[in-house]
ModelCIF file with pLDDT and N, C-alpha, C, O atoms, coordinates in Angstrom:
data_MODEL
#
_entry.id   MODEL 
#
_entity.id                         1 
_entity.type                       polymer 
_entity.pdbx_number_of_molecules   1 
#
_entity_poly.entity_id                      1 
_entity_poly.type                           'polypeptide(L)' 
_entity_poly.nstd_linkage                   no 
_entity_poly.nstd_monomer                   no 
_entity_poly.pdbx_seq_one_letter_code       DAIGGTVNAFTKGSGFLSEAEGSFFTHGQADYRYASAERSH 
_entity_poly.pdbx_seq_one_letter_code_can   DAIGGTVNAFTKGSGFLSEAEGSFFTHGQADYRYASAERSH 
_entity_poly.pdbx_strand_id                 A 
#
loop_
_entity_poly_seq.entity_id 
_entity_poly_seq.num 
_entity_poly_seq.mon_id 
_entity_poly_seq.hetero 
1 1  ASP n 
1 2  ALA n 
1 3  ILE n 
1 4  GLY n 
1 5  GLY n 
1 6  THR n 
1 7  VAL n 
1 8  ASN n 
1 9  ALA n 
1 10 PHE n 
1 11 THR n 
1 12 LYS n 
1 13 GLY n 
1 14 SER n 
1 15 GLY n 
1 16 PHE n 
1 17 LEU n 
1 18 SER n 
1 19 GLU n 
1 20 ALA n 
1 21 GLU n 
1 22 GLY n 
1 23 SER n 
1 24 PHE n 
1 25 PHE n 
1 26 THR n 
1 27 HIS n 
1 28 GLY n 
1 29 GLN n 
1 30 ALA n 
1 31 ASP n 
1 32 TYR n 
1 33 ARG n 
1 34 TYR n 
1 35 ALA n 
1 36 SER n 
1 37 ALA n 
1 38 GLU n 
1 39 ARG n 
1 40 SER n 
1 41 HIS n 
#
_struct_asym.id          A 
_struct_asym.entity_id   1 
#
loop_
_ma_qa_metric.id 
_ma_qa_metric.mode 
_ma_qa_metric.name 
_ma_qa_metric.software_group_id 
_ma_qa_metric.type 
1 global pLDDT . pLDDT 
2 local  pLDDT . pLDDT 
#
_ma_qa_metric_global.metric_id      1 
_ma_qa_metric_global.metric_value   95.46 
_ma_qa_metric_global.model_id       1 
_ma_qa_metric_global.ordinal_id     1 
#
loop_
_ma_qa_metric_local.label_asym_id 
_ma_qa_metric_local.label_comp_id 
_ma_qa_metric_local.label_seq_id 
_ma_qa_metric_local.metric_id 
_ma_qa_metric_local.metric_value 
_ma_qa_metric_local.model_id 
_ma_qa_metric_local.ordinal_id 
A ASP 1  2 98.00 1 1  
A ALA 2  2 98.00 1 2  
A ILE 3  2 98.00 1 3  
A GLY 4  2 97.00 1 4  
A GLY 5  2 97.00 1 5  
A THR 6  2 98.00 1 6  
A VAL 7  2 98.00 1 7  
A ASN 8  2 98.00 1 8  
A ALA 9  2 98.00 1 9  
A PHE 10 2 98.00 1 10 
A THR 11 2 98.00 1 11 
A LYS 12 2 97.00 1 12 
A GLY 13 2 96.00 1 13 
A SER 14 2 96.00 1 14 
A GLY 15 2 95.00 1 15 
A PHE 16 2 95.00 1 16 
A LEU 17 2 94.00 1 17 
A SER 18 2 93.00 1 18 
A GLU 19 2 93.00 1 19 
A ALA 20 2 92.00 1 20 
A GLU 21 2 91.00 1 21 
A GLY 22 2 87.00 1 22 
A SER 23 2 89.00 1 23 
A PHE 24 2 89.00 1 24 
A PHE 25 2 90.00 1 25 
A THR 26 2 93.00 1 26 
A HIS 27 2 94.00 1 27 
A GLY 28 2 96.00 1 28 
A GLN 29 2 97.00 1 29 
A ALA 30 2 98.00 1 30 
A ASP 31 2 98.00 1 31 
A TYR 32 2 98.00 1 32 
A ARG 33 2 98.00 1 33 
A TYR 34 2 98.00 1 34 
A ALA 35 2 98.00 1 35 
A SER 36 2 97.00 1 36 
A ALA 37 2 96.00 1 37 
A GLU 38 2 93.00 1 38 
A ARG 39 2 94.00 1 39 
A SER 40 2 96.00 1 40 
A HIS 41 2 97.00 1 41 
#
loop_
_atom_site.group_PDB 
_atom_site.id 
_atom_site.type_symbol 
_atom_site.label_atom_id 
_atom_site.label_alt_id 
_atom_site.label_comp_id 
_atom_site.label_asym_id 
_atom_site.label_entity_id 
_atom_site.label_seq_id 
_atom_site.pdbx_PDB_ins_code 
_atom_site.Cartn_x 
_atom_site.Cartn_y 
_atom_site.Cartn_z 
_atom_site.occupancy 
_atom_site.B_iso_or_equiv 
_atom_site.pdbx_formal_charge 
_atom_site.auth_seq_id 
_atom_site.auth_comp_id 
_atom_site.auth_asym_id 
_atom_site.auth_atom_id 
_atom_site.pdbx_PDB_model_num 
ATOM 1   N N  . ASP A 1 1  ? -0.081  125.443 -115.628 1.00 98.00 ? 1  ASP A N  1 
ATOM 2   C CA . ASP A 1 1  ? 0.404   125.309 -114.478 1.00 98.00 ? 1  ASP A CA 1 
ATOM 3   C C  . ASP A 1 1  ? -1.017  125.939 -113.486 1.00 98.00 ? 1  ASP A C  1 
ATOM 4   O O  . ASP A 1 1  ? -1.102  126.800 -112.611 1.00 98.00 ? 1  ASP A O  1 
ATOM 5   N N  . ALA A 1 2  ? -1.998  125.025 -114.139 1.00 98.00 ? 2  ALA A N  1 
ATOM 6   C CA . ALA A 1 2  ? -3.384  125.622 -114.022 1.00 98.00 ? 2  ALA A CA 1 
ATOM 7   C C  . ALA A 1 2  ? -3.589  124.904 -112.300 1.00 98.00 ? 2  ALA A C  1 
ATOM 8   O O  . ALA A 1 2  ? -4.265  125.607 -111.549 1.00 98.00 ? 2  ALA A O  1 
ATOM 9   N N  . ILE A 1 3  ? -3.209  123.993 -111.892 1.00 98.00 ? 3  ILE A N  1 
ATOM 10  C CA . ILE A 1 3  ? -3.122  122.350 -111.263 1.00 98.00 ? 3  ILE A CA 1 
ATOM 11  C C  . ILE A 1 3  ? -3.977  123.180 -109.617 1.00 98.00 ? 3  ILE A C  1 
ATOM 12  O O  . ILE A 1 3  ? -4.996  122.529 -109.386 1.00 98.00 ? 3  ILE A O  1 
ATOM 13  N N  . GLY A 1 4  ? -3.801  124.325 -108.567 1.00 97.00 ? 4  GLY A N  1 
ATOM 14  C CA . GLY A 1 4  ? -4.445  124.242 -107.863 1.00 97.00 ? 4  GLY A CA 1 
ATOM 15  C C  . GLY A 1 4  ? -5.822  124.968 -107.574 1.00 97.00 ? 4  GLY A C  1 
ATOM 16  O O  . GLY A 1 4  ? -6.682  124.936 -106.694 1.00 97.00 ? 4  GLY A O  1 
ATOM 17  N N  . GLY A 1 5  ? -5.438  126.090 -109.569 1.00 97.00 ? 5  GLY A N  1 
ATOM 18  C CA . GLY A 1 5  ? -6.428  127.067 -109.593 1.00 97.00 ? 5  GLY A CA 1 
ATOM 19  C C  . GLY A 1 5  ? -6.103  127.616 -110.941 1.00 97.00 ? 5  GLY A C  1 
ATOM 20  O O  . GLY A 1 5  ? -5.298  127.514 -111.867 1.00 97.00 ? 5  GLY A O  1 
ATOM 21  N N  . THR A 1 6  ? -7.446  128.421 -110.441 1.00 98.00 ? 6  THR A N  1 
ATOM 22  C CA . THR A 1 6  ? -6.867  129.443 -111.590 1.00 98.00 ? 6  THR A CA 1 
ATOM 23  C C  . THR A 1 6  ? -7.591  130.814 -110.874 1.00 98.00 ? 6  THR A C  1 
ATOM 24  O O  . THR A 1 6  ? -8.791  130.887 -110.607 1.00 98.00 ? 6  THR A O  1 
ATOM 25  N N  . VAL A 1 7  ? -6.542  131.926 -110.617 1.00 98.00 ? 7  VAL A N  1 
ATOM 26  C CA . VAL A 1 7  ? -7.448  133.460 -110.422 1.00 98.00 ? 7  VAL A CA 1 
ATOM 27  C C  . VAL A 1 7  ? -7.221  134.624 -111.054 1.00 98.00 ? 7  VAL A C  1 
ATOM 28  O O  . VAL A 1 7  ? -6.179  135.277 -111.100 1.00 98.00 ? 7  VAL A O  1 
ATOM 29  N N  . ASN A 1 8  ? -8.630  134.911 -111.704 1.00 98.00 ? 8  ASN A N  1 
ATOM 30  C CA . ASN A 1 8  ? -8.285  135.669 -112.587 1.00 98.00 ? 8  ASN A CA 1 
ATOM 31  C C  . ASN A 1 8  ? -8.500  137.133 -111.843 1.00 98.00 ? 8  ASN A C  1 
ATOM 32  O O  . ASN A 1 8  ? -9.476  137.316 -111.116 1.00 98.00 ? 8  ASN A O  1 
ATOM 33  N N  . ALA A 1 9  ? -7.568  138.100 -112.069 1.00 98.00 ? 9  ALA A N  1 
ATOM 34  C CA . ALA A 1 9  ? -8.053  139.783 -110.785 1.00 98.00 ? 9  ALA A CA 1 
ATOM 35  C C  . ALA A 1 9  ? -8.263  140.506 -112.903 1.00 98.00 ? 9  ALA A C  1 
ATOM 36  O O  . ALA A 1 9  ? -7.638  140.395 -113.958 1.00 98.00 ? 9  ALA A O  1 
ATOM 37  N N  . PHE A 1 10 ? -9.631  141.237 -112.355 1.00 98.00 ? 10 PHE A N  1 
ATOM 38  C CA . PHE A 1 10 ? -10.434 142.207 -113.429 1.00 98.00 ? 10 PHE A CA 1 
ATOM 39  C C  . PHE A 1 10 ? -10.088 143.372 -112.811 1.00 98.00 ? 10 PHE A C  1 
ATOM 40  O O  . PHE A 1 10 ? -10.232 143.692 -111.631 1.00 98.00 ? 10 PHE A O  1 
ATOM 41  N N  . THR A 1 11 ? -9.322  144.350 -114.296 1.00 98.00 ? 11 THR A N  1 
ATOM 42  C CA . THR A 1 11 ? -8.702  145.756 -113.326 1.00 98.00 ? 11 THR A CA 1 
ATOM 43  C C  . THR A 1 11 ? -9.581  146.106 -113.841 1.00 98.00 ? 11 THR A C  1 
ATOM 44  O O  . THR A 1 11 ? -10.052 145.500 -114.804 1.00 98.00 ? 11 THR A O  1 
ATOM 45  N N  . LYS A 1 12 ? -10.231 147.530 -113.212 1.00 97.00 ? 12 LYS A N  1 
ATOM 46  C CA . LYS A 1 12 ? -10.879 148.673 -113.086 1.00 97.00 ? 12 LYS A CA 1 
ATOM 47  C C  . LYS A 1 12 ? -11.494 149.149 -114.190 1.00 97.00 ? 12 LYS A C  1 
ATOM 48  O O  . LYS A 1 12 ? -11.162 148.712 -115.292 1.00 97.00 ? 12 LYS A O  1 
ATOM 49  N N  . GLY A 1 13 ? -12.449 150.082 -114.067 1.00 96.00 ? 13 GLY A N  1 
ATOM 50  C CA . GLY A 1 13 ? -12.282 150.762 -115.696 1.00 96.00 ? 13 GLY A CA 1 
ATOM 51  C C  . GLY A 1 13 ? -13.326 151.515 -115.754 1.00 96.00 ? 13 GLY A C  1 
ATOM 52  O O  . GLY A 1 13 ? -14.082 151.560 -114.784 1.00 96.00 ? 13 GLY A O  1 
ATOM 53  N N  . SER A 1 14 ? -13.511 152.058 -116.598 1.00 96.00 ? 14 SER A N  1 
ATOM 54  C CA . SER A 1 14 ? -14.427 153.573 -116.134 1.00 96.00 ? 14 SER A CA 1 
ATOM 55  C C  . SER A 1 14 ? -15.644 154.106 -115.493 1.00 96.00 ? 14 SER A C  1 
ATOM 56  O O  . SER A 1 14 ? -15.953 155.080 -114.806 1.00 96.00 ? 14 SER A O  1 
ATOM 57  N N  . GLY A 1 15 ? -16.631 152.282 -116.384 1.00 95.00 ? 15 GLY A N  1 
ATOM 58  C CA . GLY A 1 15 ? -17.512 152.263 -116.340 1.00 95.00 ? 15 GLY A CA 1 
ATOM 59  C C  . GLY A 1 15 ? -18.442 152.863 -117.272 1.00 95.00 ? 15 GLY A C  1 
ATOM 60  O O  . GLY A 1 15 ? -19.596 152.655 -116.899 1.00 95.00 ? 15 GLY A O  1 
ATOM 61  N N  . PHE A 1 16 ? -18.380 153.456 -118.224 1.00 95.00 ? 16 PHE A N  1 
ATOM 62  C CA . PHE A 1 16 ? -18.835 153.971 -119.376 1.00 95.00 ? 16 PHE A CA 1 
ATOM 63  C C  . PHE A 1 16 ? -20.392 153.480 -120.169 1.00 95.00 ? 16 PHE A C  1 
ATOM 64  O O  . PHE A 1 16 ? -21.350 153.927 -120.799 1.00 95.00 ? 16 PHE A O  1 
ATOM 65  N N  . LEU A 1 17 ? -19.970 152.577 -119.758 1.00 94.00 ? 17 LEU A N  1 
ATOM 66  C CA . LEU A 1 17 ? -21.594 151.724 -120.043 1.00 94.00 ? 17 LEU A CA 1 
ATOM 67  C C  . LEU A 1 17 ? -22.534 151.783 -119.736 1.00 94.00 ? 17 LEU A C  1 
ATOM 68  O O  . LEU A 1 17 ? -23.516 151.369 -120.353 1.00 94.00 ? 17 LEU A O  1 
ATOM 69  N N  . SER A 1 18 ? -22.513 152.612 -118.113 1.00 93.00 ? 18 SER A N  1 
ATOM 70  C CA . SER A 1 18 ? -23.951 152.878 -117.167 1.00 93.00 ? 18 SER A CA 1 
ATOM 71  C C  . SER A 1 18 ? -23.843 154.020 -117.387 1.00 93.00 ? 18 SER A C  1 
ATOM 72  O O  . SER A 1 18 ? -25.003 154.431 -117.402 1.00 93.00 ? 18 SER A O  1 
ATOM 73  N N  . GLU A 1 19 ? -23.063 154.989 -117.609 1.00 93.00 ? 19 GLU A N  1 
ATOM 74  C CA . GLU A 1 19 ? -23.606 156.574 -118.195 1.00 93.00 ? 19 GLU A CA 1 
ATOM 75  C C  . GLU A 1 19 ? -24.457 156.767 -118.958 1.00 93.00 ? 19 GLU A C  1 
ATOM 76  O O  . GLU A 1 19 ? -24.932 155.922 -119.718 1.00 93.00 ? 19 GLU A O  1 
ATOM 77  N N  . ALA A 1 20 ? -24.760 157.854 -118.871 1.00 92.00 ? 20 ALA A N  1 
ATOM 78  C CA . ALA A 1 20 ? -26.091 157.749 -120.066 1.00 92.00 ? 20 ALA A CA 1 
ATOM 79  C C  . ALA A 1 20 ? -25.541 158.505 -121.422 1.00 92.00 ? 20 ALA A C  1 
ATOM 80  O O  . ALA A 1 20 ? -24.634 159.338 -121.409 1.00 92.00 ? 20 ALA A O  1 
ATOM 81  N N  . GLU A 1 21 ? -26.201 158.095 -122.509 1.00 91.00 ? 21 GLU A N  1 
ATOM 82  C CA . GLU A 1 21 ? -25.272 158.408 -123.946 1.00 91.00 ? 21 GLU A CA 1 
ATOM 83  C C  . GLU A 1 21 ? -25.199 159.628 -123.666 1.00 91.00 ? 21 GLU A C  1 
ATOM 84  O O  . GLU A 1 21 ? -25.862 160.428 -123.005 1.00 91.00 ? 21 GLU A O  1 
ATOM 85  N N  . GLY A 1 22 ? -24.097 159.645 -124.399 1.00 87.00 ? 22 GLY A N  1 
ATOM 86  C CA . GLY A 1 22 ? -23.136 161.243 -125.438 1.00 87.00 ? 22 GLY A CA 1 
ATOM 87  C C  . GLY A 1 22 ? -22.908 161.971 -123.887 1.00 87.00 ? 22 GLY A C  1 
ATOM 88  O O  . GLY A 1 22 ? -21.788 162.472 -123.987 1.00 87.00 ? 22 GLY A O  1 
ATOM 89  N N  . SER A 1 23 ? -23.463 162.291 -122.411 1.00 89.00 ? 23 SER A N  1 
ATOM 90  C CA . SER A 1 23 ? -22.960 162.574 -121.800 1.00 89.00 ? 23 SER A CA 1 
ATOM 91  C C  . SER A 1 23 ? -21.661 162.424 -121.409 1.00 89.00 ? 23 SER A C  1 
ATOM 92  O O  . SER A 1 23 ? -20.912 161.449 -121.348 1.00 89.00 ? 23 SER A O  1 
ATOM 93  N N  . PHE A 1 24 ? -21.520 163.783 -121.113 1.00 89.00 ? 24 PHE A N  1 
ATOM 94  C CA . PHE A 1 24 ? -19.756 163.220 -120.568 1.00 89.00 ? 24 PHE A CA 1 
ATOM 95  C C  . PHE A 1 24 ? -19.745 163.122 -119.262 1.00 89.00 ? 24 PHE A C  1 
ATOM 96  O O  . PHE A 1 24 ? -20.816 163.070 -118.657 1.00 89.00 ? 24 PHE A O  1 
ATOM 97  N N  . PHE A 1 25 ? -18.602 163.080 -118.632 1.00 90.00 ? 25 PHE A N  1 
ATOM 98  C CA . PHE A 1 25 ? -18.825 162.469 -117.133 1.00 90.00 ? 25 PHE A CA 1 
ATOM 99  C C  . PHE A 1 25 ? -17.114 162.614 -116.701 1.00 90.00 ? 25 PHE A C  1 
ATOM 100 O O  . PHE A 1 25 ? -16.087 162.445 -117.359 1.00 90.00 ? 25 PHE A O  1 
ATOM 101 N N  . THR A 1 26 ? -17.353 162.988 -115.345 1.00 93.00 ? 26 THR A N  1 
ATOM 102 C CA . THR A 1 26 ? -16.008 162.576 -114.892 1.00 93.00 ? 26 THR A CA 1 
ATOM 103 C C  . THR A 1 26 ? -16.399 162.259 -113.537 1.00 93.00 ? 26 THR A C  1 
ATOM 104 O O  . THR A 1 26 ? -17.358 162.815 -113.002 1.00 93.00 ? 26 THR A O  1 
ATOM 105 N N  . HIS A 1 27 ? -15.457 161.095 -112.775 1.00 94.00 ? 27 HIS A N  1 
ATOM 106 C CA . HIS A 1 27 ? -15.333 161.104 -110.958 1.00 94.00 ? 27 HIS A CA 1 
ATOM 107 C C  . HIS A 1 27 ? -14.459 161.103 -111.163 1.00 94.00 ? 27 HIS A C  1 
ATOM 108 O O  . HIS A 1 27 ? -13.631 161.372 -112.032 1.00 94.00 ? 27 HIS A O  1 
ATOM 109 N N  . GLY A 1 28 ? -14.681 160.552 -109.727 1.00 96.00 ? 28 GLY A N  1 
ATOM 110 C CA . GLY A 1 28 ? -12.539 160.262 -109.069 1.00 96.00 ? 28 GLY A CA 1 
ATOM 111 C C  . GLY A 1 28 ? -13.407 159.514 -107.497 1.00 96.00 ? 28 GLY A C  1 
ATOM 112 O O  . GLY A 1 28 ? -14.549 159.429 -107.045 1.00 96.00 ? 28 GLY A O  1 
ATOM 113 N N  . GLN A 1 29 ? -12.169 159.151 -107.166 1.00 97.00 ? 29 GLN A N  1 
ATOM 114 C CA . GLN A 1 29 ? -11.978 157.815 -105.974 1.00 97.00 ? 29 GLN A CA 1 
ATOM 115 C C  . GLN A 1 29 ? -10.389 158.313 -105.562 1.00 97.00 ? 29 GLN A C  1 
ATOM 116 O O  . GLN A 1 29 ? -9.633  158.332 -106.534 1.00 97.00 ? 29 GLN A O  1 
ATOM 117 N N  . ALA A 1 30 ? -9.910  158.631 -104.536 1.00 98.00 ? 30 ALA A N  1 
ATOM 118 C CA . ALA A 1 30 ? -9.150  158.605 -103.554 1.00 98.00 ? 30 ALA A CA 1 
ATOM 119 C C  . ALA A 1 30 ? -9.985  158.118 -101.945 1.00 98.00 ? 30 ALA A C  1 
ATOM 120 O O  . ALA A 1 30 ? -11.045 158.254 -101.334 1.00 98.00 ? 30 ALA A O  1 
ATOM 121 N N  . ASP A 1 31 ? -7.913  157.142 -101.796 1.00 98.00 ? 31 ASP A N  1 
ATOM 122 C CA . ASP A 1 31 ? -8.316  155.756 -100.497 1.00 98.00 ? 31 ASP A CA 1 
ATOM 123 C C  . ASP A 1 31 ? -6.620  156.205 -99.853  1.00 98.00 ? 31 ASP A C  1 
ATOM 124 O O  . ASP A 1 31 ? -5.524  156.298 -100.405 1.00 98.00 ? 31 ASP A O  1 
ATOM 125 N N  . TYR A 1 32 ? -7.181  156.443 -98.177  1.00 98.00 ? 32 TYR A N  1 
ATOM 126 C CA . TYR A 1 32 ? -6.047  156.004 -97.850  1.00 98.00 ? 32 TYR A CA 1 
ATOM 127 C C  . TYR A 1 32 ? -6.367  155.106 -97.182  1.00 98.00 ? 32 TYR A C  1 
ATOM 128 O O  . TYR A 1 32 ? -7.547  154.775 -97.064  1.00 98.00 ? 32 TYR A O  1 
ATOM 129 N N  . ARG A 1 33 ? -5.060  154.305 -96.393  1.00 98.00 ? 33 ARG A N  1 
ATOM 130 C CA . ARG A 1 33 ? -5.201  152.924 -95.288  1.00 98.00 ? 33 ARG A CA 1 
ATOM 131 C C  . ARG A 1 33 ? -4.137  153.283 -94.159  1.00 98.00 ? 33 ARG A C  1 
ATOM 132 O O  . ARG A 1 33 ? -3.137  153.834 -94.619  1.00 98.00 ? 33 ARG A O  1 
ATOM 133 N N  . TYR A 1 34 ? -4.136  153.133 -93.092  1.00 98.00 ? 34 TYR A N  1 
ATOM 134 C CA . TYR A 1 34 ? -3.097  153.369 -91.945  1.00 98.00 ? 34 TYR A CA 1 
ATOM 135 C C  . TYR A 1 34 ? -3.099  152.120 -91.444  1.00 98.00 ? 34 TYR A C  1 
ATOM 136 O O  . TYR A 1 34 ? -4.272  151.746 -91.474  1.00 98.00 ? 34 TYR A O  1 
ATOM 137 N N  . ALA A 1 35 ? -2.302  151.141 -90.929  1.00 98.00 ? 35 ALA A N  1 
ATOM 138 C CA . ALA A 1 35 ? -1.877  150.523 -89.730  1.00 98.00 ? 35 ALA A CA 1 
ATOM 139 C C  . ALA A 1 35 ? -1.302  150.790 -88.924  1.00 98.00 ? 35 ALA A C  1 
ATOM 140 O O  . ALA A 1 35 ? -0.129  151.102 -89.126  1.00 98.00 ? 35 ALA A O  1 
ATOM 141 N N  . SER A 1 36 ? -2.020  150.805 -87.166  1.00 97.00 ? 36 SER A N  1 
ATOM 142 C CA . SER A 1 36 ? -0.453  150.761 -86.130  1.00 97.00 ? 36 SER A CA 1 
ATOM 143 C C  . SER A 1 36 ? 0.104   149.908 -86.255  1.00 97.00 ? 36 SER A C  1 
ATOM 144 O O  . SER A 1 36 ? 1.299   150.201 -86.225  1.00 97.00 ? 36 SER A O  1 
ATOM 145 N N  . ALA A 1 37 ? -0.128  148.453 -86.459  1.00 96.00 ? 37 ALA A N  1 
ATOM 146 C CA . ALA A 1 37 ? 1.070   147.526 -85.850  1.00 96.00 ? 37 ALA A CA 1 
ATOM 147 C C  . ALA A 1 37 ? 2.506   148.221 -86.668  1.00 96.00 ? 37 ALA A C  1 
ATOM 148 O O  . ALA A 1 37 ? 3.578   148.600 -86.195  1.00 96.00 ? 37 ALA A O  1 
ATOM 149 N N  . GLU A 1 38 ? 2.128   148.199 -87.708  1.00 93.00 ? 38 GLU A N  1 
ATOM 150 C CA . GLU A 1 38 ? 3.305   148.569 -88.825  1.00 93.00 ? 38 GLU A CA 1 
ATOM 151 C C  . GLU A 1 38 ? 3.660   150.050 -88.867  1.00 93.00 ? 38 GLU A C  1 
ATOM 152 O O  . GLU A 1 38 ? 4.781   150.560 -88.869  1.00 93.00 ? 38 GLU A O  1 
ATOM 153 N N  . ARG A 1 39 ? 2.352   150.680 -88.902  1.00 94.00 ? 39 ARG A N  1 
ATOM 154 C CA . ARG A 1 39 ? 2.542   152.056 -89.048  1.00 94.00 ? 39 ARG A CA 1 
ATOM 155 C C  . ARG A 1 39 ? 2.900   152.910 -90.602  1.00 94.00 ? 39 ARG A C  1 
ATOM 156 O O  . ARG A 1 39 ? 3.339   154.006 -90.953  1.00 94.00 ? 39 ARG A O  1 
ATOM 157 N N  . SER A 1 40 ? 2.211   151.150 -91.473  1.00 96.00 ? 40 SER A N  1 
ATOM 158 C CA . SER A 1 40 ? 1.987   151.747 -93.209  1.00 96.00 ? 40 SER A CA 1 
ATOM 159 C C  . SER A 1 40 ? 1.212   152.902 -93.227  1.00 96.00 ? 40 SER A C  1 
ATOM 160 O O  . SER A 1 40 ? 0.596   153.342 -92.256  1.00 96.00 ? 40 SER A O  1 
ATOM 161 N N  . HIS A 1 41 ? 1.249   153.398 -94.359  1.00 97.00 ? 41 HIS A N  1 
ATOM 162 C CA . HIS A 1 41 ? 0.707   154.565 -95.005  1.00 97.00 ? 41 HIS A CA 1 
ATOM 163 C C  . HIS A 1 41 ? 0.642   154.004 -96.597  1.00 97.00 ? 41 HIS A C  1 
ATOM 164 O O  . HIS A 1 41 ? 0.218   154.735 -97.493  1.00 97.00 ? 41 HIS A O  1 
#
């Protein structure tokens, strides 16, 4: 199937390898998108 090309979608992780060793971490994110031309939420 890889004729036009190959697309690889990489999922989000926690990023634990970028945190200080042994430290407990919590973080989060909320996103909201509104579009008037289709009144979508």
